[in-house]
Amino acid sequence: MNEELLFYFAARAQDTLIRHHIQKSGFNKMEYLVMYFVNVHPGLTMQSIQQRSTFDKAQISRTIKSLVDEGMIVREPINKKSYALYFTEAGQKAFTELDIRMSDLHESIWSVFSDEERQQFLNLAVKLYQAFDDYMIENEMSDIHSYLHDWKEEMLLARLNKEEK
């Protein structure tokens, strides 16, 4: 097998497992992402989600409407054109249960590594991420670079907040 493809296959396998767990919880990946943003930043707006993702306004709007209709989130008006998003009690419960499933999935996958191997893998992943980062800068891909940088910061913030709880 071509070694360069192994990373791609591992990423696809992870994405497939994540989608499976999300769907088993009764949501789709877009709903999970919106719920994730609401969890990390209660009260954020649809515009904030759009800025933090690669999804278009219509797709985000449909997803929010679906989550409101399902009783997972509520919209509280900020002004005539925008509203803040918050979990309902049912939405917070559903997200927490799904988040536990996702944590269990990641722990299960990582359990194949010893502590030393995990650290080696993470060190190599940092190098790989830096190579992607450098490539985007050198090839004038600032829009993609900004999106990925912001996403990385969001994920790190969420991880820190989760560890503090």
N, C-alpha and C. Protein backbone atom coordinates (compact mmCIF):
# COMPACT_ATOMS: atom_id res chain seq x y z
N MET A 1 0.85 -1.19 0.00
CA MET A 1 0.00 0.00 0.00
C MET A 1 0.89 1.24 0.00
N ASN A 2 0.46 2.26 -0.70
CA ASN A 2 1.18 3.52 -0.76
C ASN A 2 1.12 4.21 0.60
N GLU A 3 2.28 4.43 1.22
CA GLU A 3 2.33 4.97 2.57
C GLU A 3 1.66 6.34 2.68
N GLU A 4 1.75 7.15 1.62
CA GLU A 4 1.14 8.47 1.65
C GLU A 4 -0.37 8.39 1.81
N LEU A 5 -0.94 7.29 1.34
CA LEU A 5 -2.40 7.13 1.42
C LEU A 5 -2.86 6.69 2.81
N LEU A 6 -1.96 6.17 3.62
CA LEU A 6 -2.36 5.68 4.94
C LEU A 6 -2.98 6.79 5.79
N PHE A 7 -2.38 7.98 5.74
CA PHE A 7 -2.93 9.09 6.51
C PHE A 7 -4.34 9.43 6.03
N TYR A 8 -4.52 9.44 4.71
CA TYR A 8 -5.84 9.71 4.14
C TYR A 8 -6.84 8.65 4.59
N PHE A 9 -6.47 7.38 4.53
CA PHE A 9 -7.39 6.31 4.92
C PHE A 9 -7.72 6.39 6.41
N ALA A 10 -6.73 6.71 7.23
CA ALA A 10 -6.98 6.86 8.67
C ALA A 10 -7.95 8.02 8.92
N ALA A 11 -7.74 9.13 8.22
CA ALA A 11 -8.64 10.28 8.38
C ALA A 11 -10.05 9.94 7.92
N ARG A 12 -10.17 9.21 6.82
CA ARG A 12 -11.50 8.79 6.33
C ARG A 12 -12.17 7.83 7.30
N ALA A 13 -11.40 6.92 7.87
CA ALA A 13 -11.96 5.99 8.85
C ALA A 13 -12.46 6.75 10.07
N GLN A 14 -11.67 7.71 10.53
CA GLN A 14 -12.09 8.52 11.68
C GLN A 14 -13.37 9.28 11.36
N ASP A 15 -13.42 9.91 10.19
CA ASP A 15 -14.60 10.67 9.80
C ASP A 15 -15.83 9.76 9.72
N THR A 16 -15.67 8.56 9.19
CA THR A 16 -16.77 7.61 9.10
C THR A 16 -17.28 7.22 10.49
N LEU A 17 -16.36 6.95 11.42
CA LEU A 17 -16.76 6.61 12.78
C LEU A 17 -17.45 7.77 13.48
N ILE A 18 -16.94 8.98 13.27
CA ILE A 18 -17.58 10.16 13.87
C ILE A 18 -18.98 10.33 13.33
N ARG A 19 -19.14 10.24 12.02
CA ARG A 19 -20.47 10.36 11.41
C ARG A 19 -21.43 9.29 11.96
N HIS A 20 -20.92 8.08 12.11
CA HIS A 20 -21.74 6.99 12.64
C HIS A 20 -22.26 7.33 14.04
N HIS A 21 -21.39 7.80 14.91
CA HIS A 21 -21.81 8.14 16.28
C HIS A 21 -22.77 9.32 16.30
N ILE A 22 -22.53 10.30 15.44
CA ILE A 22 -23.44 11.44 15.36
C ILE A 22 -24.81 10.97 14.89
N GLN A 23 -24.86 10.17 13.84
CA GLN A 23 -26.14 9.68 13.32
C GLN A 23 -26.85 8.78 14.32
N LYS A 24 -26.10 7.97 15.06
CA LYS A 24 -26.71 7.12 16.09
C LYS A 24 -27.38 7.95 17.18
N SER A 25 -26.89 9.18 17.36
CA SER A 25 -27.48 10.08 18.35
C SER A 25 -28.66 10.86 17.78
N GLY A 26 -28.98 10.64 16.50
CA GLY A 26 -30.13 11.29 15.89
C GLY A 26 -29.84 12.61 15.22
N PHE A 27 -28.57 12.91 14.99
CA PHE A 27 -28.20 14.18 14.36
C PHE A 27 -27.40 13.92 13.10
N ASN A 28 -27.19 14.98 12.33
CA ASN A 28 -26.25 14.89 11.21
C ASN A 28 -25.02 15.71 11.57
N LYS A 29 -23.98 15.62 10.74
CA LYS A 29 -22.72 16.26 11.08
C LYS A 29 -22.87 17.78 11.18
N MET A 30 -23.68 18.37 10.32
CA MET A 30 -23.88 19.82 10.37
C MET A 30 -24.57 20.23 11.67
N GLU A 31 -25.57 19.46 12.10
CA GLU A 31 -26.23 19.75 13.38
C GLU A 31 -25.24 19.63 14.53
N TYR A 32 -24.40 18.61 14.47
CA TYR A 32 -23.38 18.45 15.52
C TYR A 32 -22.45 19.66 15.56
N LEU A 33 -22.02 20.14 14.41
CA LEU A 33 -21.11 21.28 14.38
C LEU A 33 -21.76 22.53 14.95
N VAL A 34 -23.02 22.78 14.59
CA VAL A 34 -23.72 23.95 15.15
C VAL A 34 -23.85 23.79 16.66
N MET A 35 -24.22 22.59 17.11
CA MET A 35 -24.35 22.35 18.54
C MET A 35 -23.00 22.50 19.24
N TYR A 36 -21.95 22.07 18.59
CA TYR A 36 -20.61 22.21 19.15
C TYR A 36 -20.29 23.69 19.38
N PHE A 37 -20.56 24.52 18.36
CA PHE A 37 -20.31 25.96 18.50
C PHE A 37 -21.15 26.57 19.61
N VAL A 38 -22.41 26.17 19.71
CA VAL A 38 -23.28 26.68 20.78
C VAL A 38 -22.76 26.25 22.14
N ASN A 39 -22.23 25.05 22.22
CA ASN A 39 -21.67 24.56 23.48
C ASN A 39 -20.44 25.36 23.89
N VAL A 40 -19.55 25.63 22.94
CA VAL A 40 -18.32 26.36 23.24
C VAL A 40 -18.60 27.84 23.49
N HIS A 41 -19.55 28.40 22.75
CA HIS A 41 -19.85 29.83 22.84
C HIS A 41 -21.35 30.06 22.98
N PRO A 42 -21.95 29.79 24.13
CA PRO A 42 -23.38 30.05 24.29
C PRO A 42 -23.68 31.52 23.96
N GLY A 43 -24.73 31.73 23.18
CA GLY A 43 -25.13 33.08 22.82
C GLY A 43 -24.52 33.58 21.52
N LEU A 44 -23.76 32.73 20.82
CA LEU A 44 -23.19 33.19 19.57
C LEU A 44 -24.28 33.33 18.51
N THR A 45 -23.96 33.98 17.43
CA THR A 45 -24.94 34.23 16.37
C THR A 45 -24.68 33.33 15.18
N MET A 46 -25.66 33.29 14.26
CA MET A 46 -25.49 32.54 13.03
C MET A 46 -24.29 33.08 12.25
N GLN A 47 -24.12 34.39 12.25
CA GLN A 47 -23.00 35.01 11.55
C GLN A 47 -21.66 34.54 12.14
N SER A 48 -21.61 34.38 13.46
CA SER A 48 -20.39 33.88 14.09
C SER A 48 -20.08 32.46 13.66
N ILE A 49 -21.10 31.65 13.55
CA ILE A 49 -20.89 30.26 13.09
C ILE A 49 -20.38 30.28 11.65
N GLN A 50 -20.96 31.13 10.83
CA GLN A 50 -20.53 31.23 9.44
C GLN A 50 -19.07 31.64 9.34
N GLN A 51 -18.65 32.58 10.18
CA GLN A 51 -17.26 33.02 10.18
C GLN A 51 -16.31 31.94 10.66
N ARG A 52 -16.80 31.04 11.52
CA ARG A 52 -15.94 30.00 12.09
C ARG A 52 -15.98 28.70 11.29
N SER A 53 -16.71 28.68 10.20
CA SER A 53 -16.84 27.45 9.42
C SER A 53 -16.74 27.74 7.94
N THR A 54 -16.78 26.68 7.15
CA THR A 54 -16.75 26.84 5.70
C THR A 54 -18.15 26.70 5.10
N PHE A 55 -19.17 26.67 5.93
CA PHE A 55 -20.52 26.45 5.45
C PHE A 55 -21.19 27.76 5.06
N ASP A 56 -22.08 27.68 4.07
CA ASP A 56 -22.74 28.90 3.63
C ASP A 56 -23.91 29.25 4.54
N LYS A 57 -24.35 30.48 4.41
CA LYS A 57 -25.39 31.04 5.27
C LYS A 57 -26.68 30.23 5.21
N ALA A 58 -27.08 29.82 4.02
CA ALA A 58 -28.33 29.07 3.86
C ALA A 58 -28.25 27.71 4.56
N GLN A 59 -27.13 27.03 4.44
CA GLN A 59 -26.94 25.73 5.08
C GLN A 59 -26.99 25.87 6.61
N ILE A 60 -26.34 26.89 7.12
CA ILE A 60 -26.35 27.11 8.57
C ILE A 60 -27.76 27.48 9.03
N SER A 61 -28.42 28.32 8.28
CA SER A 61 -29.78 28.75 8.63
C SER A 61 -30.74 27.56 8.68
N ARG A 62 -30.67 26.68 7.68
CA ARG A 62 -31.52 25.47 7.66
C ARG A 62 -31.23 24.58 8.87
N THR A 63 -29.96 24.45 9.19
CA THR A 63 -29.58 23.60 10.32
C THR A 63 -30.09 24.18 11.63
N ILE A 64 -29.94 25.48 11.81
CA ILE A 64 -30.43 26.12 13.02
C ILE A 64 -31.94 25.96 13.13
N LYS A 65 -32.65 26.17 12.02
CA LYS A 65 -34.11 26.00 12.02
C LYS A 65 -34.48 24.58 12.43
N SER A 66 -33.77 23.61 11.90
CA SER A 66 -34.02 22.21 12.24
C SER A 66 -33.81 21.96 13.74
N LEU A 67 -32.73 22.49 14.30
CA LEU A 67 -32.45 22.29 15.72
C LEU A 67 -33.46 23.03 16.60
N VAL A 68 -33.94 24.18 16.15
CA VAL A 68 -34.99 24.90 16.88
C VAL A 68 -36.28 24.09 16.84
N ASP A 69 -36.63 23.59 15.65
CA ASP A 69 -37.85 22.78 15.49
C ASP A 69 -37.81 21.51 16.34
N GLU A 70 -36.61 20.94 16.50
CA GLU A 70 -36.44 19.73 17.31
C GLU A 70 -36.37 20.04 18.81
N GLY A 71 -36.36 21.32 19.16
CA GLY A 71 -36.30 21.70 20.57
C GLY A 71 -34.92 21.59 21.19
N MET A 72 -33.88 21.63 20.35
CA MET A 72 -32.51 21.49 20.85
C MET A 72 -31.89 22.84 21.21
N ILE A 73 -32.21 23.87 20.43
CA ILE A 73 -31.69 25.20 20.71
C ILE A 73 -32.81 26.22 20.60
N VAL A 74 -32.59 27.39 21.18
CA VAL A 74 -33.53 28.51 21.08
C VAL A 74 -32.77 29.71 20.52
N ARG A 75 -33.54 30.57 19.86
CA ARG A 75 -33.00 31.82 19.32
C ARG A 75 -33.55 32.97 20.15
N GLU A 76 -32.67 33.80 20.66
CA GLU A 76 -33.08 34.99 21.40
C GLU A 76 -32.64 36.21 20.61
N PRO A 77 -33.60 37.08 20.24
CA PRO A 77 -33.26 38.24 19.41
C PRO A 77 -32.25 39.16 20.08
N ILE A 78 -31.29 39.62 19.28
CA ILE A 78 -30.32 40.61 19.71
C ILE A 78 -30.74 41.97 19.13
N ASN A 79 -31.10 41.95 17.84
CA ASN A 79 -31.63 43.12 17.15
C ASN A 79 -32.54 42.61 16.02
N LYS A 80 -32.90 43.47 15.10
CA LYS A 80 -33.84 43.06 14.04
C LYS A 80 -33.27 42.02 13.09
N LYS A 81 -31.96 41.95 12.98
CA LYS A 81 -31.35 41.07 12.00
C LYS A 81 -30.59 39.88 12.58
N SER A 82 -30.42 39.85 13.87
CA SER A 82 -29.62 38.76 14.42
C SER A 82 -30.15 38.28 15.76
N TYR A 83 -29.77 37.06 16.08
CA TYR A 83 -30.22 36.44 17.32
C TYR A 83 -29.11 35.58 17.90
N ALA A 84 -29.19 35.43 19.21
CA ALA A 84 -28.22 34.60 19.94
C ALA A 84 -28.78 33.18 20.06
N LEU A 85 -27.90 32.21 20.01
CA LEU A 85 -28.29 30.80 20.09
C LEU A 85 -27.88 30.21 21.43
N TYR A 86 -28.82 29.49 22.03
CA TYR A 86 -28.58 28.82 23.31
C TYR A 86 -29.19 27.43 23.27
N PHE A 87 -28.63 26.53 24.05
CA PHE A 87 -29.22 25.20 24.21
C PHE A 87 -30.50 25.28 25.03
N THR A 88 -31.43 24.42 24.69
CA THR A 88 -32.53 24.13 25.61
C THR A 88 -31.99 23.08 26.58
N GLU A 89 -32.75 22.74 27.58
CA GLU A 89 -32.32 21.69 28.50
C GLU A 89 -32.14 20.37 27.74
N ALA A 90 -33.09 20.07 26.84
CA ALA A 90 -33.00 18.84 26.05
C ALA A 90 -31.79 18.87 25.13
N GLY A 91 -31.51 20.03 24.55
CA GLY A 91 -30.37 20.16 23.66
C GLY A 91 -29.05 19.98 24.39
N GLN A 92 -28.94 20.57 25.57
CA GLN A 92 -27.71 20.42 26.35
C GLN A 92 -27.50 18.96 26.75
N LYS A 93 -28.59 18.31 27.13
CA LYS A 93 -28.51 16.88 27.51
C LYS A 93 -28.08 16.03 26.31
N ALA A 94 -28.70 16.27 25.15
CA ALA A 94 -28.36 15.50 23.95
C ALA A 94 -26.91 15.73 23.54
N PHE A 95 -26.48 17.00 23.60
CA PHE A 95 -25.10 17.28 23.21
C PHE A 95 -24.12 16.65 24.19
N THR A 96 -24.39 16.73 25.47
CA THR A 96 -23.51 16.15 26.48
C THR A 96 -23.38 14.64 26.26
N GLU A 97 -24.49 13.97 26.00
CA GLU A 97 -24.45 12.52 25.74
C GLU A 97 -23.63 12.21 24.50
N LEU A 98 -23.82 13.01 23.44
CA LEU A 98 -23.05 12.80 22.22
C LEU A 98 -21.58 13.10 22.45
N ASP A 99 -21.28 14.14 23.20
CA ASP A 99 -19.90 14.50 23.49
C ASP A 99 -19.19 13.39 24.27
N ILE A 100 -19.90 12.74 25.17
CA ILE A 100 -19.34 11.60 25.90
C ILE A 100 -19.03 10.46 24.94
N ARG A 101 -19.97 10.21 24.01
CA ARG A 101 -19.73 9.15 23.00
C ARG A 101 -18.51 9.47 22.16
N MET A 102 -18.36 10.74 21.79
CA MET A 102 -17.22 11.13 20.96
C MET A 102 -15.92 10.98 21.76
N SER A 103 -15.93 11.36 23.02
CA SER A 103 -14.73 11.19 23.87
C SER A 103 -14.37 9.72 24.01
N ASP A 104 -15.39 8.89 24.22
CA ASP A 104 -15.14 7.44 24.32
C ASP A 104 -14.56 6.89 23.02
N LEU A 105 -15.06 7.36 21.89
CA LEU A 105 -14.53 6.93 20.59
C LEU A 105 -13.06 7.30 20.47
N HIS A 106 -12.74 8.55 20.78
CA HIS A 106 -11.35 8.99 20.66
C HIS A 106 -10.44 8.24 21.64
N GLU A 107 -10.89 8.02 22.85
CA GLU A 107 -10.08 7.26 23.81
C GLU A 107 -9.87 5.83 23.33
N SER A 108 -10.90 5.23 22.76
CA SER A 108 -10.78 3.87 22.24
C SER A 108 -9.74 3.80 21.13
N ILE A 109 -9.79 4.75 20.22
CA ILE A 109 -8.83 4.78 19.11
C ILE A 109 -7.41 5.00 19.64
N TRP A 110 -7.25 5.97 20.54
CA TRP A 110 -5.92 6.29 21.07
C TRP A 110 -5.37 5.18 21.96
N SER A 111 -6.21 4.31 22.45
CA SER A 111 -5.76 3.27 23.39
C SER A 111 -4.80 2.27 22.74
N VAL A 112 -4.72 2.24 21.42
CA VAL A 112 -3.79 1.33 20.76
C VAL A 112 -2.34 1.79 20.91
N PHE A 113 -2.15 3.03 21.34
CA PHE A 113 -0.80 3.58 21.51
C PHE A 113 -0.38 3.56 22.97
N SER A 114 0.89 3.27 23.20
CA SER A 114 1.45 3.46 24.54
C SER A 114 1.59 4.97 24.74
N ASP A 115 1.86 5.39 25.97
CA ASP A 115 2.05 6.82 26.24
C ASP A 115 3.18 7.39 25.39
N GLU A 116 4.25 6.62 25.27
CA GLU A 116 5.40 7.07 24.47
C GLU A 116 5.02 7.19 22.98
N GLU A 117 4.32 6.18 22.47
CA GLU A 117 3.90 6.23 21.07
C GLU A 117 2.93 7.39 20.81
N ARG A 118 2.04 7.62 21.75
CA ARG A 118 1.09 8.72 21.62
C ARG A 118 1.84 10.04 21.52
N GLN A 119 2.85 10.23 22.38
CA GLN A 119 3.63 11.46 22.35
C GLN A 119 4.40 11.59 21.04
N GLN A 120 4.98 10.49 20.56
CA GLN A 120 5.69 10.51 19.28
C GLN A 120 4.73 10.89 18.15
N PHE A 121 3.55 10.29 18.16
CA PHE A 121 2.55 10.58 17.13
C PHE A 121 2.16 12.06 17.17
N LEU A 122 1.92 12.58 18.36
CA LEU A 122 1.54 13.99 18.49
C LEU A 122 2.66 14.91 18.02
N ASN A 123 3.90 14.56 18.33
CA ASN A 123 5.03 15.36 17.85
C ASN A 123 5.09 15.37 16.32
N LEU A 124 4.87 14.21 15.72
CA LEU A 124 4.85 14.13 14.26
C LEU A 124 3.65 14.88 13.67
N ALA A 125 2.52 14.82 14.35
CA ALA A 125 1.34 15.54 13.88
C ALA A 125 1.56 17.05 13.90
N VAL A 126 2.27 17.54 14.90
CA VAL A 126 2.61 18.96 14.97
C VAL A 126 3.47 19.34 13.76
N LYS A 127 4.45 18.52 13.43
CA LYS A 127 5.30 18.77 12.26
C LYS A 127 4.47 18.77 10.97
N LEU A 128 3.55 17.80 10.87
CA LEU A 128 2.70 17.71 9.69
C LEU A 128 1.80 18.93 9.57
N TYR A 129 1.22 19.33 10.68
CA TYR A 129 0.35 20.52 10.67
C TYR A 129 1.16 21.74 10.24
N GLN A 130 2.38 21.87 10.75
CA GLN A 130 3.22 23.01 10.38
C GLN A 130 3.54 22.99 8.89
N ALA A 131 3.76 21.80 8.33
CA ALA A 131 4.02 21.69 6.89
C ALA A 131 2.81 22.15 6.08
N PHE A 132 1.60 21.76 6.52
CA PHE A 132 0.38 22.23 5.85
C PHE A 132 0.28 23.75 5.97
N ASP A 133 0.54 24.25 7.16
CA ASP A 133 0.48 25.69 7.44
C ASP A 133 1.44 26.45 6.53
N ASP A 134 2.68 25.99 6.47
CA ASP A 134 3.69 26.64 5.62
C ASP A 134 3.28 26.60 4.15
N TYR A 135 2.76 25.47 3.71
CA TYR A 135 2.34 25.33 2.31
C TYR A 135 1.25 26.36 1.97
N MET A 136 0.27 26.51 2.86
CA MET A 136 -0.82 27.46 2.60
C MET A 136 -0.29 28.89 2.53
N ILE A 137 0.64 29.24 3.39
CA ILE A 137 1.20 30.59 3.38
C ILE A 137 2.02 30.80 2.11
N GLU A 138 2.87 29.86 1.77
CA GLU A 138 3.72 29.98 0.57
C GLU A 138 2.91 30.03 -0.71
N ASN A 139 1.74 29.42 -0.72
CA ASN A 139 0.91 29.35 -1.93
C ASN A 139 -0.27 30.31 -1.89
N GLU A 140 -0.15 31.32 -1.05
CA GLU A 140 -1.14 32.40 -0.98
C GLU A 140 -2.57 31.89 -0.80
N MET A 141 -2.72 30.99 0.14
CA MET A 141 -4.03 30.43 0.45
C MET A 141 -4.50 30.98 1.80
N SER A 142 -4.47 32.30 1.93
CA SER A 142 -4.73 32.93 3.23
C SER A 142 -6.14 32.68 3.74
N ASP A 143 -7.13 32.57 2.84
CA ASP A 143 -8.50 32.32 3.31
C ASP A 143 -8.61 30.96 3.98
N ILE A 144 -8.03 29.94 3.38
CA ILE A 144 -8.06 28.60 3.97
C ILE A 144 -7.19 28.57 5.23
N HIS A 145 -6.04 29.22 5.17
CA HIS A 145 -5.15 29.28 6.32
C HIS A 145 -5.85 29.92 7.51
N SER A 146 -6.53 31.03 7.29
CA SER A 146 -7.25 31.72 8.38
C SER A 146 -8.33 30.84 8.97
N TYR A 147 -9.10 30.19 8.08
CA TYR A 147 -10.16 29.30 8.55
C TYR A 147 -9.59 28.19 9.42
N LEU A 148 -8.56 27.51 8.96
CA LEU A 148 -7.98 26.40 9.72
C LEU A 148 -7.33 26.88 11.01
N HIS A 149 -6.69 28.03 10.97
CA HIS A 149 -6.09 28.58 12.19
C HIS A 149 -7.17 28.88 13.22
N ASP A 150 -8.27 29.53 12.77
CA ASP A 150 -9.36 29.85 13.69
C ASP A 150 -10.00 28.57 14.24
N TRP A 151 -10.17 27.56 13.40
CA TRP A 151 -10.75 26.29 13.83
C TRP A 151 -9.87 25.63 14.88
N LYS A 152 -8.55 25.65 14.64
CA LYS A 152 -7.62 25.06 15.60
C LYS A 152 -7.73 25.78 16.95
N GLU A 153 -7.80 27.10 16.92
CA GLU A 153 -7.93 27.87 18.16
C GLU A 153 -9.23 27.52 18.88
N GLU A 154 -10.33 27.39 18.13
CA GLU A 154 -11.62 27.02 18.72
C GLU A 154 -11.53 25.65 19.40
N MET A 155 -10.90 24.70 18.72
CA MET A 155 -10.78 23.35 19.26
C MET A 155 -9.93 23.35 20.53
N LEU A 156 -8.84 24.10 20.53
CA LEU A 156 -7.99 24.17 21.72
C LEU A 156 -8.72 24.82 22.88
N LEU A 157 -9.47 25.87 22.60
CA LEU A 157 -10.26 26.53 23.64
C LEU A 157 -11.30 25.57 24.21
N ALA A 158 -11.97 24.85 23.35
CA ALA A 158 -12.99 23.90 23.80
C ALA A 158 -12.35 22.81 24.66
N ARG A 159 -11.20 22.32 24.27
CA ARG A 159 -10.50 21.28 25.03
C ARG A 159 -10.13 21.80 26.41
N LEU A 160 -9.60 23.01 26.48
CA LEU A 160 -9.23 23.60 27.77
C LEU A 160 -10.45 23.78 28.67
N ASN A 161 -11.54 24.28 28.08
CA ASN A 161 -12.77 24.46 28.86
C ASN A 161 -13.30 23.13 29.38
N LYS A 162 -13.22 22.10 28.55
CA LYS A 162 -13.70 20.77 28.93
C LYS A 162 -12.84 20.19 30.07
N GLU A 163 -11.52 20.40 29.97
CA GLU A 163 -10.62 19.88 31.01
C GLU A 163 -10.80 20.62 32.33
N GLU A 164 -11.19 21.91 32.28
CA GLU A 164 -11.42 22.68 33.51
C GLU A 164 -12.66 22.22 34.25
N LYS A 165 -13.64 21.66 33.52
CA LYS A 165 -14.91 21.24 34.13
C LYS A 165 -14.77 19.95 34.84
